[in-house]
């Protein structure tokens, strides 16, 4: 069954942390919808990837999606100062829908105050932030906690994709 994955994205995302999972989800028959601050805007990755948004955050409704992808880089930090993206993210966590966050992606989960007592991983520089938010930080390539899938770096993408696809199955 085809699932719809919302991907929240802002400039300076870590290219492969969006492009590789999105490709894996689409190859498995799922649909990835890119959500940004402006519809039809071109969002620039840190290393040259360019992605066009499908919807604005004002048009996107969590109930229309099965899962959420949060790529790393500076994108999550750029998004978490916008209450609309924080509320959107929190809605997925509250509904226990699939949430796939890699590298700095969990920063958006920290701001959504939705990781207390959850097992999680992320980029080394945010480990203390994750612990301070009440999460159980694990330095592992992929951590699955219910429908939350997290990984640390681009090196972990194969495991991240595998476990994200398991949640989508």
C-alpha atoms as a PDB file:
ATOM      1  CA  UNK A   1       0.000   0.000   0.000  1.00  0.00           C
ATOM      2  CA  UNK A   2       1.358   3.400  -0.957  1.00  0.00           C
ATOM      3  CA  UNK A   3       2.128   5.656   1.985  1.00  0.00           C
ATOM      4  CA  UNK A   4       2.494   9.432   1.876  1.00  0.00           C
ATOM      5  CA  UNK A   5       5.654  10.790   3.501  1.00  0.00           C
ATOM      6  CA  UNK A   6       5.872  14.486   4.362  1.00  0.00           C
ATOM      7  CA  UNK A   7       9.412  15.844   4.116  1.00  0.00           C
ATOM      8  CA  UNK A   8       9.956  19.178   5.879  1.00  0.00           C
ATOM      9  CA  UNK A   9      12.854  21.005   4.320  1.00  0.00           C
ATOM     10  CA  UNK A  10      14.695  24.323   4.442  1.00  0.00           C
ATOM     11  CA  UNK A  11      17.912  25.619   2.904  1.00  0.00           C
ATOM     12  CA  UNK A  12      21.233  24.029   3.823  1.00  0.00           C
ATOM     13  CA  UNK A  13      19.846  20.523   4.325  1.00  0.00           C
ATOM     14  CA  UNK A  14      22.378  17.684   4.133  1.00  0.00           C
ATOM     15  CA  UNK A  15      21.775  16.575   0.542  1.00  0.00           C
ATOM     16  CA  UNK A  16      21.999  12.770   0.826  1.00  0.00           C
ATOM     17  CA  UNK A  17      19.990  12.747   4.057  1.00  0.00           C
ATOM     18  CA  UNK A  18      17.009  13.847   1.996  1.00  0.00           C
ATOM     19  CA  UNK A  19      17.740  12.498  -1.489  1.00  0.00           C
ATOM     20  CA  UNK A  20      18.704   8.938  -0.512  1.00  0.00           C
ATOM     21  CA  UNK A  21      15.729   8.233   1.806  1.00  0.00           C
ATOM     22  CA  UNK A  22      13.299   9.951  -0.611  1.00  0.00           C
ATOM     23  CA  UNK A  23      14.591   7.774  -3.465  1.00  0.00           C
ATOM     24  CA  UNK A  24      14.323   4.611  -1.326  1.00  0.00           C
ATOM     25  CA  UNK A  25      10.745   5.438  -0.276  1.00  0.00           C
ATOM     26  CA  UNK A  26       9.692   6.193  -3.853  1.00  0.00           C
ATOM     27  CA  UNK A  27      11.355   3.040  -5.187  1.00  0.00           C
ATOM     28  CA  UNK A  28       9.321   1.096  -2.601  1.00  0.00           C
ATOM     29  CA  UNK A  29       6.138   2.668  -4.012  1.00  0.00           C
ATOM     30  CA  UNK A  30       5.605   5.482  -1.513  1.00  0.00           C
ATOM     31  CA  UNK A  31       5.055   9.161  -2.296  1.00  0.00           C
ATOM     32  CA  UNK A  32       7.294  11.890  -0.831  1.00  0.00           C
ATOM     33  CA  UNK A  33       5.816  15.397  -0.587  1.00  0.00           C
ATOM     34  CA  UNK A  34       8.251  18.228   0.159  1.00  0.00           C
ATOM     35  CA  UNK A  35       6.913  20.868   2.534  1.00  0.00           C
ATOM     36  CA  UNK A  36       8.533  24.263   2.928  1.00  0.00           C
ATOM     37  CA  UNK A  37       7.746  27.829   3.837  1.00  0.00           C
ATOM     38  CA  UNK A  38       6.770  28.686   0.223  1.00  0.00           C
ATOM     39  CA  UNK A  39       5.117  26.489  -2.437  1.00  0.00           C
ATOM     40  CA  UNK A  40       7.197  25.941  -5.558  1.00  0.00           C
ATOM     41  CA  UNK A  41      10.324  27.346  -3.929  1.00  0.00           C
ATOM     42  CA  UNK A  42      13.717  25.834  -4.708  1.00  0.00           C
ATOM     43  CA  UNK A  43      15.453  24.688  -1.541  1.00  0.00           C
ATOM     44  CA  UNK A  44      19.229  24.361  -1.704  1.00  0.00           C
ATOM     45  CA  UNK A  45      21.198  21.574  -0.098  1.00  0.00           C
ATOM     46  CA  UNK A  46      24.630  22.137   1.430  1.00  0.00           C
ATOM     47  CA  UNK A  47      26.358  20.366  -1.455  1.00  0.00           C
ATOM     48  CA  UNK A  48      24.369  21.478  -4.507  1.00  0.00           C
ATOM     49  CA  UNK A  49      21.136  19.466  -4.416  1.00  0.00           C
ATOM     50  CA  UNK A  50      18.081  21.485  -5.369  1.00  0.00           C
ATOM     51  CA  UNK A  51      14.579  20.423  -4.334  1.00  0.00           C
ATOM     52  CA  UNK A  52      11.302  22.159  -5.192  1.00  0.00           C
ATOM     53  CA  UNK A  53       8.599  22.307  -2.533  1.00  0.00           C
ATOM     54  CA  UNK A  54       5.221  20.722  -3.248  1.00  0.00           C
ATOM     55  CA  UNK A  55       3.256  22.405  -0.441  1.00  0.00           C
ATOM     56  CA  UNK A  56       3.596  25.219   2.041  1.00  0.00           C
ATOM     57  CA  UNK A  57       3.461  24.405   5.723  1.00  0.00           C
ATOM     58  CA  UNK A  58       0.112  26.226   5.836  1.00  0.00           C
ATOM     59  CA  UNK A  59      -1.347  23.832   3.234  1.00  0.00           C
ATOM     60  CA  UNK A  60       0.067  20.653   4.776  1.00  0.00           C
ATOM     61  CA  UNK A  61      -2.097  18.762   7.252  1.00  0.00           C
ATOM     62  CA  UNK A  62      -0.525  15.976   9.363  1.00  0.00           C
ATOM     63  CA  UNK A  63      -3.655  13.831   8.981  1.00  0.00           C
ATOM     64  CA  UNK A  64      -3.025  13.651   5.208  1.00  0.00           C
ATOM     65  CA  UNK A  65       0.311  11.857   5.727  1.00  0.00           C
ATOM     66  CA  UNK A  66       1.493   8.530   7.073  1.00  0.00           C
ATOM     67  CA  UNK A  67       5.025   9.555   8.036  1.00  0.00           C
ATOM     68  CA  UNK A  68       7.438  12.474   8.385  1.00  0.00           C
ATOM     69  CA  UNK A  69      11.038  12.732   7.132  1.00  0.00           C
ATOM     70  CA  UNK A  70      13.391  15.252   8.753  1.00  0.00           C
ATOM     71  CA  UNK A  71      16.747  15.474   6.983  1.00  0.00           C
ATOM     72  CA  UNK A  72      19.766  16.894   8.760  1.00  0.00           C
ATOM     73  CA  UNK A  73      22.184  19.678   7.979  1.00  0.00           C
ATOM     74  CA  UNK A  74      21.075  23.170   8.987  1.00  0.00           C
ATOM     75  CA  UNK A  75      17.517  22.620   7.766  1.00  0.00           C
ATOM     76  CA  UNK A  76      16.071  21.406  11.111  1.00  0.00           C
ATOM     77  CA  UNK A  77      17.585  24.377  12.944  1.00  0.00           C
ATOM     78  CA  UNK A  78      16.172  26.706  10.271  1.00  0.00           C
ATOM     79  CA  UNK A  79      12.727  25.120  10.683  1.00  0.00           C
ATOM     80  CA  UNK A  80      12.476  24.921  14.453  1.00  0.00           C
ATOM     81  CA  UNK A  81      12.153  28.656  14.941  1.00  0.00           C
ATOM     82  CA  UNK A  82       8.858  28.474  12.988  1.00  0.00           C
ATOM     83  CA  UNK A  83       5.992  27.388  15.246  1.00  0.00           C
ATOM     84  CA  UNK A  84       4.094  25.937  12.278  1.00  0.00           C
ATOM     85  CA  UNK A  85       6.822  23.354  11.572  1.00  0.00           C
ATOM     86  CA  UNK A  86       7.145  22.580  15.284  1.00  0.00           C
ATOM     87  CA  UNK A  87       3.380  21.968  15.601  1.00  0.00           C
ATOM     88  CA  UNK A  88       3.391  19.880  12.401  1.00  0.00           C
ATOM     89  CA  UNK A  89       6.206  17.701  13.774  1.00  0.00           C
ATOM     90  CA  UNK A  90       4.578  17.377  17.200  1.00  0.00           C
ATOM     91  CA  UNK A  91       1.344  16.187  15.572  1.00  0.00           C
ATOM     92  CA  UNK A  92       3.172  13.211  14.008  1.00  0.00           C
ATOM     93  CA  UNK A  93       4.797  12.292  17.319  1.00  0.00           C
ATOM     94  CA  UNK A  94       1.533  12.663  19.252  1.00  0.00           C
ATOM     95  CA  UNK A  95      -0.275  10.435  16.725  1.00  0.00           C
ATOM     96  CA  UNK A  96       2.571   7.872  16.850  1.00  0.00           C
ATOM     97  CA  UNK A  97       2.964   8.082  13.072  1.00  0.00           C
ATOM     98  CA  UNK A  98       6.265   7.241  11.448  1.00  0.00           C
ATOM     99  CA  UNK A  99       8.905   9.906  12.082  1.00  0.00           C
ATOM    100  CA  UNK A 100      12.298   9.489  10.415  1.00  0.00           C
ATOM    101  CA  UNK A 101      14.988  11.939  11.603  1.00  0.00           C
ATOM    102  CA  UNK A 102      18.671  11.780  10.746  1.00  0.00           C
ATOM    103  CA  UNK A 103      21.745  13.706  11.912  1.00  0.00           C
ATOM    104  CA  UNK A 104      20.506  17.122  13.152  1.00  0.00           C
ATOM    105  CA  UNK A 105      16.883  16.206  12.314  1.00  0.00           C
ATOM    106  CA  UNK A 106      16.067  15.459  15.978  1.00  0.00           C
ATOM    107  CA  UNK A 107      16.560  19.180  16.753  1.00  0.00           C
ATOM    108  CA  UNK A 108      13.028  19.681  15.458  1.00  0.00           C
ATOM    109  CA  UNK A 109      11.823  16.911  17.809  1.00  0.00           C
ATOM    110  CA  UNK A 110      13.566  18.624  20.734  1.00  0.00           C
ATOM    111  CA  UNK A 111      11.748  21.897  20.032  1.00  0.00           C
ATOM    112  CA  UNK A 112       8.468  19.982  19.630  1.00  0.00           C
ATOM    113  CA  UNK A 113       9.082  18.648  23.166  1.00  0.00           C
ATOM    114  CA  UNK A 114       8.176  15.152  22.051  1.00  0.00           C
ATOM    115  CA  UNK A 115      11.147  12.905  22.833  1.00  0.00           C
ATOM    116  CA  UNK A 116      11.011  12.553  26.621  1.00  0.00           C
ATOM    117  CA  UNK A 117      11.697   8.910  27.558  1.00  0.00           C
ATOM    118  CA  UNK A 118      12.155   7.927  23.890  1.00  0.00           C
ATOM    119  CA  UNK A 119      15.199   6.005  22.640  1.00  0.00           C
ATOM    120  CA  UNK A 120      16.955   8.127  20.036  1.00  0.00           C
ATOM    121  CA  UNK A 121      20.197   8.903  18.271  1.00  0.00           C
ATOM    122  CA  UNK A 122      21.465  11.853  16.285  1.00  0.00           C
ATOM    123  CA  UNK A 123      24.611  13.692  15.327  1.00  0.00           C
ATOM    124  CA  UNK A 124      27.212  13.689  18.122  1.00  0.00           C
ATOM    125  CA  UNK A 125      27.017  17.465  18.663  1.00  0.00           C
ATOM    126  CA  UNK A 126      23.331  17.263  19.667  1.00  0.00           C
ATOM    127  CA  UNK A 127      23.669  14.258  22.020  1.00  0.00           C
ATOM    128  CA  UNK A 128      23.651  16.457  25.127  1.00  0.00           C
ATOM    129  CA  UNK A 129      20.640  18.386  23.794  1.00  0.00           C
ATOM    130  CA  UNK A 130      18.761  15.122  23.266  1.00  0.00           C
ATOM    131  CA  UNK A 131      19.599  13.966  26.800  1.00  0.00           C
ATOM    132  CA  UNK A 132      18.579  17.343  28.238  1.00  0.00           C
ATOM    133  CA  UNK A 133      15.233  16.981  26.423  1.00  0.00           C
ATOM    134  CA  UNK A 134      14.670  13.753  28.369  1.00  0.00           C
ATOM    135  CA  UNK A 135      15.528  11.247  25.630  1.00  0.00           C
ATOM    136  CA  UNK A 136      17.554   8.085  26.103  1.00  0.00           C
ATOM    137  CA  UNK A 137      20.466   8.798  23.755  1.00  0.00           C
ATOM    138  CA  UNK A 138      22.179   5.845  22.086  1.00  0.00           C
ATOM    139  CA  UNK A 139      25.292   6.121  19.913  1.00  0.00           C
ATOM    140  CA  UNK A 140      24.139   3.581  17.312  1.00  0.00           C
ATOM    141  CA  UNK A 141      23.749   3.697  13.509  1.00  0.00           C
ATOM    142  CA  UNK A 142      19.970   3.449  13.785  1.00  0.00           C
ATOM    143  CA  UNK A 143      17.598   3.514  16.753  1.00  0.00           C
ATOM    144  CA  UNK A 144      13.958   2.486  16.436  1.00  0.00           C
ATOM    145  CA  UNK A 145      11.536   3.485  19.199  1.00  0.00           C
ATOM    146  CA  UNK A 146       7.953   2.606  18.248  1.00  0.00           C
ATOM    147  CA  UNK A 147       7.507   4.488  14.958  1.00  0.00           C
ATOM    148  CA  UNK A 148      10.451   6.858  15.538  1.00  0.00           C
ATOM    149  CA  UNK A 149      13.537   6.010  13.469  1.00  0.00           C
ATOM    150  CA  UNK A 150      16.733   8.017  14.009  1.00  0.00           C
ATOM    151  CA  UNK A 151      20.306   7.851  12.724  1.00  0.00           C
ATOM    152  CA  UNK A 152      23.530   9.820  13.235  1.00  0.00           C
ATOM    153  CA  UNK A 153      25.220  10.632   9.906  1.00  0.00           C
ATOM    154  CA  UNK A 154      25.142   9.972   6.152  1.00  0.00           C
ATOM    155  CA  UNK A 155      27.160   6.794   6.819  1.00  0.00           C
ATOM    156  CA  UNK A 156      24.081   5.397   8.594  1.00  0.00           C
ATOM    157  CA  UNK A 157      21.682   5.953   5.661  1.00  0.00           C
ATOM    158  CA  UNK A 158      21.450   2.262   4.598  1.00  0.00           C
ATOM    159  CA  UNK A 159      20.274   1.252   8.099  1.00  0.00           C
ATOM    160  CA  UNK A 160      18.087   4.377   8.360  1.00  0.00           C
ATOM    161  CA  UNK A 161      16.374   3.583   5.063  1.00  0.00           C
ATOM    162  CA  UNK A 162      15.926  -0.092   5.959  1.00  0.00           C
ATOM    163  CA  UNK A 163      14.231   0.677   9.290  1.00  0.00           C
ATOM    164  CA  UNK A 164      12.150   3.569   7.870  1.00  0.00           C
ATOM    165  CA  UNK A 165      10.852   1.242   5.148  1.00  0.00           C
ATOM    166  CA  UNK A 166       9.997  -1.355   7.827  1.00  0.00           C
ATOM    167  CA  UNK A 167       7.837   1.249   9.594  1.00  0.00           C
ATOM    168  CA  UNK A 168       6.174   2.171   6.283  1.00  0.00           C
ATOM    169  CA  UNK A 169       5.464  -1.506   5.442  1.00  0.00           C
END
